PDB file of N, CA and C in Angstrom:
ATOM      1  N   MET A   1    -142.941 112.898-127.513  1.00  0.00           N
ATOM      2  CA  MET A   1    -143.229 111.700-126.748  1.00  0.00           C
ATOM      3  C   MET A   1    -142.556 110.485-127.379  1.00  0.00           C
ATOM      4  N   SER A   2    -142.112 110.607-128.630  1.00  0.00           N
ATOM      5  CA  SER A   2    -141.538 109.460-129.324  1.00  0.00           C
ATOM      6  C   SER A   2    -140.244 108.979-128.684  1.00  0.00           C
ATOM      7  N   GLU A   3    -139.489 109.868-128.031  1.00  0.00           N
ATOM      8  CA  GLU A   3    -138.252 109.432-127.391  1.00  0.00           C
ATOM      9  C   GLU A   3    -138.523 108.520-126.197  1.00  0.00           C
ATOM     10  N   TYR A   4    -139.744 108.519-125.699  1.00  0.00           N
ATOM     11  CA  TYR A   4    -140.104 107.676-124.569  1.00  0.00           C
ATOM     12  C   TYR A   4    -140.699 106.342-124.994  1.00  0.00           C
ATOM     13  N   LYS A   5    -141.042 106.181-126.255  1.00  0.00           N
ATOM     14  CA  LYS A   5    -141.657 104.936-126.727  1.00  0.00           C
ATOM     15  C   LYS A   5    -140.564 103.949-127.138  1.00  0.00           C
ATOM     16  N   CYS A   6    -140.629 102.747-126.605  1.00  0.00           N
ATOM     17  CA  CYS A   6    -139.647 101.704-126.894  1.00  0.00           C
ATOM     18  C   CYS A   6    -139.906 101.140-128.292  1.00  0.00           C
ATOM     19  N   THR A   7    -138.849 101.000-129.072  1.00  0.00           N
ATOM     20  CA  THR A   7    -138.992 100.455-130.424  1.00  0.00           C
ATOM     21  C   THR A   7    -139.138  98.937-130.400  1.00  0.00           C
ATOM     22  N   ASP A   8    -138.713  98.283-129.318  1.00  0.00           N
ATOM     23  CA  ASP A   8    -138.800  96.822-129.225  1.00  0.00           C
ATOM     24  C   ASP A   8    -140.187  96.344-128.793  1.00  0.00           C
ATOM     25  N   CYS A   9    -140.705  96.898-127.692  1.00  0.00           N
ATOM     26  CA  CYS A   9    -141.966  96.392-127.137  1.00  0.00           C
ATOM     27  C   CYS A   9    -143.159  97.322-127.365  1.00  0.00           C
ATOM     28  N   GLY A  10    -142.913  98.572-127.720  1.00  0.00           N
ATOM     29  CA  GLY A  10    -143.999  99.516-127.966  1.00  0.00           C
ATOM     30  C   GLY A  10    -144.554 100.183-126.719  1.00  0.00           C
ATOM     31  N   LYS A  11    -144.026  99.814-125.544  1.00  0.00           N
ATOM     32  CA  LYS A  11    -144.470 100.447-124.302  1.00  0.00           C
ATOM     33  C   LYS A  11    -143.625 101.698-124.056  1.00  0.00           C
ATOM     34  N   TYR A  12    -143.975 102.446-123.023  1.00  0.00           N
ATOM     35  CA  TYR A  12    -143.285 103.700-122.747  1.00  0.00           C
ATOM     36  C   TYR A  12    -142.200 103.532-121.689  1.00  0.00           C
ATOM     37  N   LYS A  13    -141.038 104.156-121.943  1.00  0.00           N
ATOM     38  CA  LYS A  13    -139.920 104.143-120.996  1.00  0.00           C
ATOM     39  C   LYS A  13    -140.176 105.192-119.920  1.00  0.00           C
ATOM     40  N   GLN A  14    -139.783 104.881-118.694  1.00  0.00           N
ATOM     41  CA  GLN A  14    -139.900 105.840-117.602  1.00  0.00           C
ATOM     42  C   GLN A  14    -138.868 106.954-117.799  1.00  0.00           C
ATOM     43  N   PRO A  15    -139.223 108.194-117.484  1.00  0.00           N
ATOM     44  CA  PRO A  15    -138.257 109.289-117.612  1.00  0.00           C
ATOM     45  C   PRO A  15    -137.183 109.191-116.529  1.00  0.00           C
ATOM     46  N   ASP A  16    -136.017 109.752-116.816  1.00  0.00           N
ATOM     47  CA  ASP A  16    -134.928 109.791-115.841  1.00  0.00           C
ATOM     48  C   ASP A  16    -135.135 111.005-114.944  1.00  0.00           C
ATOM     49  N   ARG A  17    -135.658 110.771-113.760  1.00  0.00           N
ATOM     50  CA  ARG A  17    -135.995 111.870-112.858  1.00  0.00           C
ATOM     51  C   ARG A  17    -134.781 112.459-112.146  1.00  0.00           C
ATOM     52  N   THR A  18    -133.614 111.854-112.303  1.00  0.00           N
ATOM     53  CA  THR A  18    -132.410 112.400-111.677  1.00  0.00           C
ATOM     54  C   THR A  18    -131.870 113.590-112.460  1.00  0.00           C
ATOM     55  N   LYS A  19    -132.356 113.808-113.659  1.00  0.00           N
ATOM     56  CA  LYS A  19    -131.845 114.889-114.507  1.00  0.00           C
ATOM     57  C   LYS A  19    -132.644 116.185-114.393  1.00  0.00           C
ATOM     58  N   PHE A  20    -133.590 116.257-113.457  1.00  0.00           N
ATOM     59  CA  PHE A  20    -134.336 117.499-113.268  1.00  0.00           C
ATOM     60  C   PHE A  20    -133.394 118.592-112.786  1.00  0.00           C
ATOM     61  N   SER A  21    -133.618 119.814-113.266  1.00  0.00           N
ATOM     62  CA  SER A  21    -132.831 120.954-112.811  1.00  0.00           C
ATOM     63  C   SER A  21    -133.739 122.178-112.734  1.00  0.00           C
ATOM     64  N   PRO A  22    -133.360 123.184-111.933  1.00  0.00           N
ATOM     65  CA  PRO A  22    -134.184 124.393-111.832  1.00  0.00           C
ATOM     66  C   PRO A  22    -134.412 125.019-113.212  1.00  0.00           C
ATOM     67  N   GLY A  23    -135.659 125.422-113.448  1.00  0.00           N
ATOM     68  CA  GLY A  23    -136.025 126.009-114.732  1.00  0.00           C
ATOM     69  C   GLY A  23    -136.725 125.036-115.662  1.00  0.00           C
ATOM     70  N   ASP A  24    -136.632 123.726-115.388  1.00  0.00           N
ATOM     71  CA  ASP A  24    -137.307 122.721-116.218  1.00  0.00           C
ATOM     72  C   ASP A  24    -138.823 122.822-116.032  1.00  0.00           C
ATOM     73  N   THR A  25    -139.563 122.600-117.107  1.00  0.00           N
ATOM     74  CA  THR A  25    -141.020 122.557-117.037  1.00  0.00           C
ATOM     75  C   THR A  25    -141.452 121.114-116.817  1.00  0.00           C
ATOM     76  N   VAL A  26    -142.277 120.903-115.798  1.00  0.00           N
ATOM     77  CA  VAL A  26    -142.712 119.556-115.424  1.00  0.00           C
ATOM     78  C   VAL A  26    -144.230 119.523-115.241  1.00  0.00           C
ATOM     79  N   THR A  27    -144.785 118.309-115.235  1.00  0.00           N
ATOM     80  CA  THR A  27    -146.206 118.120-114.946  1.00  0.00           C
ATOM     81  C   THR A  27    -146.347 117.155-113.773  1.00  0.00           C
ATOM     82  N   PHE A  28    -147.463 117.286-113.052  1.00  0.00           N
ATOM     83  CA  PHE A  28    -147.767 116.363-111.965  1.00  0.00           C
ATOM     84  C   PHE A  28    -149.264 116.385-111.721  1.00  0.00           C
ATOM     85  N   SER A  29    -149.763 115.353-111.082  1.00  0.00           N
ATOM     86  CA  SER A  29    -151.186 115.234-110.786  1.00  0.00           C
ATOM     87  C   SER A  29    -151.449 115.729-109.371  1.00  0.00           C
ATOM     88  N   MET A  30    -152.524 116.489-109.223  1.00  0.00           N
ATOM     89  CA  MET A  30    -152.922 117.010-107.922  1.00  0.00           C
ATOM     90  C   MET A  30    -154.359 116.587-107.661  1.00  0.00           C
ATOM     91  N   THR A  31    -154.651 116.065-106.486  1.00  0.00           N
ATOM     92  CA  THR A  31    -156.008 115.651-106.141  1.00  0.00           C
ATOM     93  C   THR A  31    -156.540 116.554-105.035  1.00  0.00           C
ATOM     94  N   ARG A  32    -157.758 117.025-105.235  1.00  0.00           N
ATOM     95  CA  ARG A  32    -158.375 117.925-104.271  1.00  0.00           C
ATOM     96  C   ARG A  32    -159.755 117.377-103.911  1.00  0.00           C
ATOM     97  N   ALA A  33    -160.064 117.329-102.615  1.00  0.00           N
ATOM     98  CA  ALA A  33    -161.379 116.866-102.170  1.00  0.00           C
ATOM     99  C   ALA A  33    -162.418 117.924-102.525  1.00  0.00           C
ATOM    100  N   THR A  34    -163.510 117.496-103.169  1.00  0.00           N
ATOM    101  CA  THR A  34    -164.569 118.430-103.553  1.00  0.00           C
ATOM    102  C   THR A  34    -165.833 118.236-102.725  1.00  0.00           C
ATOM    103  N   GLY A  35    -165.888 117.187-101.995  1.00  0.00           N
ATOM    104  CA  GLY A  35    -167.047 116.905-101.148  1.00  0.00           C
ATOM    105  C   GLY A  35    -166.672 115.879-100.111  1.00  0.00           C
ATOM    106  N   ARG A  36    -167.658 115.397 -99.409  1.00  0.00           N
ATOM    107  CA  ARG A  36    -167.388 114.433 -98.347  1.00  0.00           C
ATOM    108  C   ARG A  36    -166.790 113.144 -98.888  1.00  0.00           C
ATOM    109  N   ASP A  37    -167.282 112.679-100.023  1.00  0.00           N
ATOM    110  CA  ASP A  37    -166.771 111.427-100.569  1.00  0.00           C
ATOM    111  C   ASP A  37    -166.467 111.530-102.065  1.00  0.00           C
ATOM    112  N   THR A  38    -166.084 112.711-102.511  1.00  0.00           N
ATOM    113  CA  THR A  38    -165.682 112.899-103.909  1.00  0.00           C
ATOM    114  C   THR A  38    -164.366 113.658-103.970  1.00  0.00           C
ATOM    115  N   ALA A  39    -163.647 113.447-105.044  1.00  0.00           N
ATOM    116  CA  ALA A  39    -162.371 114.130-105.234  1.00  0.00           C
ATOM    117  C   ALA A  39    -162.213 114.477-106.707  1.00  0.00           C
ATOM    118  N   ARG A  40    -161.389 115.464-106.963  1.00  0.00           N
ATOM    119  CA  ARG A  40    -161.123 115.900-108.332  1.00  0.00           C
ATOM    120  C   ARG A  40    -159.619 115.854-108.564  1.00  0.00           C
ATOM    121  N   SER A  41    -159.219 115.173-109.611  1.00  0.00           N
ATOM    122  CA  SER A  41    -157.805 115.063-109.950  1.00  0.00           C
ATOM    123  C   SER A  41    -157.510 115.978-111.132  1.00  0.00           C
ATOM    124  N   MET A  42    -156.436 116.752-111.017  1.00  0.00           N
ATOM    125  CA  MET A  42    -156.072 117.708-112.057  1.00  0.00           C
ATOM    126  C   MET A  42    -154.601 117.552-112.416  1.00  0.00           C
ATOM    127  N   LEU A  43    -154.285 117.767-113.671  1.00  0.00           N
ATOM    128  CA  LEU A  43    -152.904 117.754-114.130  1.00  0.00           C
ATOM    129  C   LEU A  43    -152.395 119.186-114.104  1.00  0.00           C
ATOM    130  N   LYS A  44    -151.305 119.428-113.399  1.00  0.00           N
ATOM    131  CA  LYS A  44    -150.733 120.768-113.273  1.00  0.00           C
ATOM    132  C   LYS A  44    -149.375 120.820-113.956  1.00  0.00           C
ATOM    133  N   THR A  45    -149.072 121.970-114.534  1.00  0.00           N
ATOM    134  CA  THR A  45    -147.789 122.209-115.182  1.00  0.00           C
ATOM    135  C   THR A  45    -147.120 123.380-114.479  1.00  0.00           C
ATOM    136  N   GLY A  46    -145.813 123.261-114.253  1.00  0.00           N
ATOM    137  CA  GLY A  46    -145.083 124.338-113.598  1.00  0.00           C
ATOM    138  C   GLY A  46    -143.597 124.250-113.879  1.00  0.00           C
ATOM    139  N   LYS A  47    -142.858 125.215-113.339  1.00  0.00           N
ATOM    140  CA  LYS A  47    -141.403 125.257-113.504  1.00  0.00           C
ATOM    141  C   LYS A  47    -140.729 124.953-112.174  1.00  0.00           C
ATOM    142  N   ILE A  48    -139.660 124.176-112.249  1.00  0.00           N
ATOM    143  CA  ILE A  48    -138.904 123.830-111.045  1.00  0.00           C
ATOM    144  C   ILE A  48    -138.159 125.069-110.561  1.00  0.00           C
ATOM    145  N   GLU A  49    -138.345 125.394-109.267  1.00  0.00           N
ATOM    146  CA  GLU A  49    -137.647 126.523-108.660  1.00  0.00           C
ATOM    147  C   GLU A  49    -136.461 126.071-107.823  1.00  0.00           C
ATOM    148  N   GLN A  50    -136.652 124.984-107.065  1.00  0.00           N
ATOM    149  CA  GLN A  50    -135.616 124.549-106.135  1.00  0.00           C
ATOM    150  C   GLN A  50    -135.674 123.040-105.975  1.00  0.00           C
ATOM    151  N   ILE A  51    -134.491 122.438-105.805  1.00  0.00           N
ATOM    152  CA  ILE A  51    -134.408 120.996-105.576  1.00  0.00           C
ATOM    153  C   ILE A  51    -133.695 120.771-104.248  1.00  0.00           C
ATOM    154  N   ASP A  52    -134.354 120.044-103.348  1.00  0.00           N
ATOM    155  CA  ASP A  52    -133.784 119.721-102.045  1.00  0.00           C
ATOM    156  C   ASP A  52    -133.924 118.221-101.837  1.00  0.00           C
ATOM    157  N   GLY A  53    -132.960 117.466-102.355  1.00  0.00           N
ATOM    158  CA  GLY A  53    -133.031 116.009-102.290  1.00  0.00           C
ATOM    159  C   GLY A  53    -134.137 115.501-103.191  1.00  0.00           C
ATOM    160  N   ASP A  54    -135.104 114.785-102.607  1.00  0.00           N
ATOM    161  CA  ASP A  54    -136.228 114.262-103.383  1.00  0.00           C
ATOM    162  C   ASP A  54    -137.442 115.189-103.370  1.00  0.00           C
ATOM    163  N   ILE A  55    -137.377 116.272-102.612  1.00  0.00           N
ATOM    164  CA  ILE A  55    -138.471 117.245-102.577  1.00  0.00           C
ATOM    165  C   ILE A  55    -138.120 118.391-103.517  1.00  0.00           C
ATOM    166  N   ILE A  56    -139.017 118.624-104.478  1.00  0.00           N
ATOM    167  CA  ILE A  56    -138.780 119.646-105.495  1.00  0.00           C
ATOM    168  C   ILE A  56    -139.874 120.698-105.392  1.00  0.00           C
ATOM    169  N   THR A  57    -139.470 121.966-105.359  1.00  0.00           N
ATOM    170  CA  THR A  57    -140.420 123.073-105.320  1.00  0.00           C
ATOM    171  C   THR A  57    -140.747 123.480-106.744  1.00  0.00           C
ATOM    172  N   VAL A  58    -142.040 123.418-107.083  1.00  0.00           N
ATOM    173  CA  VAL A  58    -142.514 123.729-108.432  1.00  0.00           C
ATOM    174  C   VAL A  58    -143.428 124.945-108.349  1.00  0.00           C
ATOM    175  N   LYS A  59    -143.166 125.958-109.186  1.00  0.00           N
ATOM    176  CA  LYS A  59    -144.027 127.140-109.234  1.00  0.00           C
ATOM    177  C   LYS A  59    -145.124 126.898-110.259  1.00  0.00           C
ATOM    178  N   VAL A  60    -146.376 126.927-109.781  1.00  0.00           N
ATOM    179  CA  VAL A  60    -147.545 126.663-110.613  1.00  0.00           C
ATOM    180  C   VAL A  60    -148.358 127.951-110.721  1.00  0.00           C
ATOM    181  N   ALA A  61    -148.807 128.278-111.928  1.00  0.00           N
ATOM    182  CA  ALA A  61    -149.607 129.484-112.135  1.00  0.00           C
ATOM    183  C   ALA A  61    -150.864 129.447-111.272  1.00  0.00           C
ATOM    184  N   ARG A  62    -151.190 130.545-110.650  1.00  0.00           N
ATOM    185  CA  ARG A  62    -152.367 130.744-109.798  1.00  0.00           C
ATOM    186  C   ARG A  62    -152.369 129.904-108.525  1.00  0.00           C
ATOM    187  N   LEU A  63    -151.391 129.049-108.321  1.00  0.00           N
ATOM    188  CA  LEU A  63    -151.323 128.257-107.085  1.00  0.00           C
ATOM    189  C   LEU A  63    -150.089 128.588-106.263  1.00  0.00           C
ATOM    190  N   GLY A  64    -149.099 129.198-106.884  1.00  0.00           N
ATOM    191  CA  GLY A  64    -147.864 129.510-106.190  1.00  0.00           C
ATOM    192  C   GLY A  64    -146.918 128.322-106.182  1.00  0.00           C
ATOM    193  N   ALA A  65    -146.060 128.274-105.180  1.00  0.00           N
ATOM    194  CA  ALA A  65    -145.057 127.216-105.081  1.00  0.00           C
ATOM    195  C   ALA A  65    -145.637 125.995-104.372  1.00  0.00           C
ATOM    196  N   LYS A  66    -145.402 124.831-104.949  1.00  0.00           N
ATOM    197  CA  LYS A  66    -145.852 123.563-104.372  1.00  0.00           C
ATOM    198  C   LYS A  66    -144.648 122.654-104.204  1.00  0.00           C
ATOM    199  N   GLU A  67    -144.570 121.968-103.074  1.00  0.00           N
ATOM    200  CA  GLU A  67    -143.515 120.985-102.860  1.00  0.00           C
ATOM    201  C   GLU A  67    -144.031 119.626-103.302  1.00  0.00           C
ATOM    202  N   VAL A  68    -143.291 119.002-104.226  1.00  0.00           N
ATOM    203  CA  VAL A  68    -143.715 117.734-104.815  1.00  0.00           C
ATOM    204  C   VAL A  68    -142.551 116.751-104.744  1.00  0.00           C
ATOM    205  N   HIS A  69    -142.849 115.492-104.429  1.00  0.00           N
ATOM    206  CA  HIS A  69    -141.807 114.461-104.414  1.00  0.00           C
ATOM    207  C   HIS A  69    -141.364 114.175-105.844  1.00  0.00           C
ATOM    208  N   ARG A  70    -140.090 113.953-106.021  1.00  0.00           N
ATOM    209  CA  ARG A  70    -139.487 113.714-107.340  1.00  0.00           C
ATOM    210  C   ARG A  70    -140.203 112.612-108.125  1.00  0.00           C
ATOM    211  N   SER A  71    -140.678 111.573-107.451  1.00  0.00           N
ATOM    212  CA  SER A  71    -141.302 110.435-108.132  1.00  0.00           C
ATOM    213  C   SER A  71    -142.653 110.782-108.758  1.00  0.00           C
ATOM    214  N   ARG A  72    -143.264 111.896-108.351  1.00  0.00           N
ATOM    215  CA  ARG A  72    -144.566 112.296-108.895  1.00  0.00           C
ATOM    216  C   ARG A  72    -144.449 113.236-110.084  1.00  0.00           C
ATOM    217  N   LEU A  73    -143.233 113.673-110.413  1.00  0.00           N
ATOM    218  CA  LEU A  73    -143.025 114.625-111.500  1.00  0.00           C
ATOM    219  C   LEU A  73    -142.684 113.928-112.806  1.00  0.00           C
ATOM    220  N   TYR A  74    -143.141 114.516-113.904  1.00  0.00           N
ATOM    221  CA  TYR A  74    -142.826 114.039-115.249  1.00  0.00           C
ATOM    222  C   TYR A  74    -142.363 115.222-116.081  1.00  0.00           C
ATOM    223  N   PRO A  75    -141.345 115.035-116.941  1.00  0.00           N
ATOM    224  CA  PRO A  75    -140.984 116.115-117.858  1.00  0.00           C
ATOM    225  C   PRO A  75    -142.194 116.486-118.708  1.00  0.00           C
ATOM    226  N   GLU A  76    -142.231 117.729-119.165  1.00  0.00           N
ATOM    227  CA  GLU A  76    -143.398 118.228-119.898  1.00  0.00           C
ATOM    228  C   GLU A  76    -143.721 117.394-121.134  1.00  0.00           C
ATOM    229  N   ASP A  77    -142.700 116.883-121.818  1.00  0.00           N
ATOM    230  CA  ASP A  77    -142.933 116.135-123.060  1.00  0.00           C
ATOM    231  C   ASP A  77    -143.111 114.634-122.848  1.00  0.00           C
ATOM    232  N   ALA A  78    -143.049 114.179-121.596  1.00  0.00           N
ATOM    233  CA  ALA A  78    -143.185 112.743-121.302  1.00  0.00           C
ATOM    234  C   ALA A  78    -144.651 112.377-121.083  1.00  0.00           C
ATOM    235  N   PRO A  79    -145.008 111.106-121.319  1.00  0.00           N
ATOM    236  CA  PRO A  79    -146.369 110.668-121.003  1.00  0.00           C
ATOM    237  C   PRO A  79    -146.598 110.732-119.490  1.00  0.00           C
ATOM    238  N   GLY A  80    -147.838 110.889-119.082  1.00  0.00           N
ATOM    239  CA  GLY A  80    -148.174 110.985-117.669  1.00  0.00           C
ATOM    240  C   GLY A  80    -148.418 109.633-117.032  1.00  0.00           C
ATOM    241  N   ALA A  81    -148.751 109.664-115.761  1.00  0.00           N
ATOM    242  CA  ALA A  81    -148.960 108.441-114.986  1.00  0.00           C
ATOM    243  C   ALA A  81    -150.088 107.587-115.551  1.00  0.00           C
ATOM    244  N   LEU A  82    -151.132 108.221-116.061  1.00  0.00           N
ATOM    245  CA  LEU A  82    -152.258 107.471-116.611  1.00  0.00           C
ATOM    246  C   LEU A  82    -151.836 106.657-117.830  1.00  0.00           C
ATOM    247  N   THR A  83    -150.991 107.224-118.670  1.00  0.00           N
ATOM    248  CA  THR A  83    -150.499 106.503-119.851  1.00  0.00           C
ATOM    249  C   THR A  83    -149.722 105.263-119.438  1.00  0.00           C
ATOM    250  N   TYR A  84    -148.860 105.392-118.429  1.00  0.00           N
ATOM    251  CA  TYR A  84    -148.094 104.241-117.949  1.00  0.00           C
ATOM    252  C   TYR A  84    -149.019 103.192-117.331  1.00  0.00           C
ATOM    253  N   ALA A  85    -150.066 103.640-116.630  1.00  0.00           N
ATOM    254  CA  ALA A  85    -151.006 102.701-116.014  1.00  0.00           C
ATOM    255  C   ALA A  85    -151.785 101.921-117.073  1.00  0.00           C
ATOM    256  N   LEU A  86    -152.163 102.583-118.149  1.00  0.00           N
ATOM    257  CA  LEU A  86    -152.947 101.925-119.195  1.00  0.00           C
ATOM    258  C   LEU A  86    -152.093 101.092-120.142  1.00  0.00           C
ATOM    259  N   MET A  87    -150.948 101.624-120.546  1.00  0.00           N
ATOM    260  CA  MET A  87    -150.121 100.981-121.565  1.00  0.00           C
ATOM    261  C   MET A  87    -149.028 100.086-120.984  1.00  0.00           C
ATOM    262  N   GLY A  88    -148.617 100.350-119.763  1.00  0.00           N
ATOM    263  CA  GLY A  88    -147.525  99.601-119.163  1.00  0.00           C
ATOM    264  C   GLY A  88    -146.191 100.284-119.391  1.00  0.00           C
ATOM    265  N   SER A  89    -145.216  99.919-118.594  1.00  0.00           N
ATOM    266  CA  SER A  89    -143.873 100.488-118.696  1.00  0.00           C
ATOM    267  C   SER A  89    -142.941  99.515-119.389  1.00  0.00           C
ATOM    268  N   CYS A  90    -142.014 100.050-120.143  1.00  0.00           N
ATOM    269  CA  CYS A  90    -141.014  99.242-120.842  1.00  0.00           C
ATOM    270  C   CYS A  90    -140.069  98.610-119.822  1.00  0.00           C
ATOM    271  N   LYS A  91    -139.811  97.327-119.976  1.00  0.00           N
ATOM    272  CA  LYS A  91    -138.879  96.606-119.104  1.00  0.00           C
ATOM    273  C   LYS A  91    -137.699  96.054-119.910  1.00  0.00           C
ATOM    274  N   CYS A  92    -137.546  96.494-121.143  1.00  0.00           N
ATOM    275  CA  CYS A  92    -136.513  95.950-122.029  1.00  0.00           C
ATOM    276  C   CYS A  92    -135.103  96.151-121.481  1.00  0.00           C
ATOM    277  N   ASP A  93    -134.818  97.316-120.875  1.00  0.00           N
ATOM    278  CA  ASP A  93    -133.486  97.566-120.328  1.00  0.00           C
ATOM    279  C   ASP A  93    -133.161  96.587-119.213  1.00  0.00           C
ATOM    280  N   PHE A  94    -134.166  96.214-118.391  1.00  0.00           N
ATOM    281  CA  PHE A  94    -133.950  95.249-117.322  1.00  0.00           C
ATOM    282  C   PHE A  94    -133.651  93.865-117.892  1.00  0.00           C
ATOM    283  N   LYS A  95    -134.314  93.507-118.977  1.00  0.00           N
ATOM    284  CA  LYS A  95    -134.088  92.205-119.606  1.00  0.00           C
ATOM    285  C   LYS A  95    -132.683  92.113-120.177  1.00  0.00           C
ATOM    286  N   LYS A  96    -132.170  93.216-120.745  1.00  0.00           N
ATOM    287  CA  LYS A  96    -130.827  93.231-121.329  1.00  0.00           C
ATOM    288  C   LYS A  96    -129.764  93.085-120.247  1.00  0.00           C
ATOM    289  N   VAL A  97    -130.003  93.704-119.079  1.00  0.00           N
ATOM    290  CA  VAL A  97    -129.051  93.625-117.973  1.00  0.00           C
ATOM    291  C   VAL A  97    -128.976  92.206-117.437  1.00  0.00           C
ATOM    292  N   GLU A  98    -130.122  91.522-117.339  1.00  0.00           N
ATOM    293  CA  GLU A  98    -130.167  90.161-116.803  1.00  0.00           C
ATOM    294  C   GLU A  98    -129.512  89.155-117.738  1.00  0.00           C
ATOM    295  N   ALA A  99    -129.551  89.391-119.039  1.00  0.00           N
ATOM    296  CA  ALA A  99    -129.032  88.427-120.021  1.00  0.00           C
ATOM    297  C   ALA A  99    -127.532  88.348-120.045  1.00  0.00           C
TER     298      ALA A  99
END
């Protein structure tokens, strides 16, 4: 996870989702309704089987193949969406471009 942590601001850099390829191990969040007004969110790990534009087919154990949008996937070693929500995302690269 250290490759994702910015040395300047201490926040986490977003992963480059354009570099996904078949065979990569990725994680994503899945939400399932458990009742009329309750839901359960789970973190799933799987391997990329196929890439069709922004829709990526991920094979998940005991669930089979799931189609997931590229923006919802994270490399296995990257922090998840909750970490970015709590800690914030690094914007240092944007600041360097503007300067």
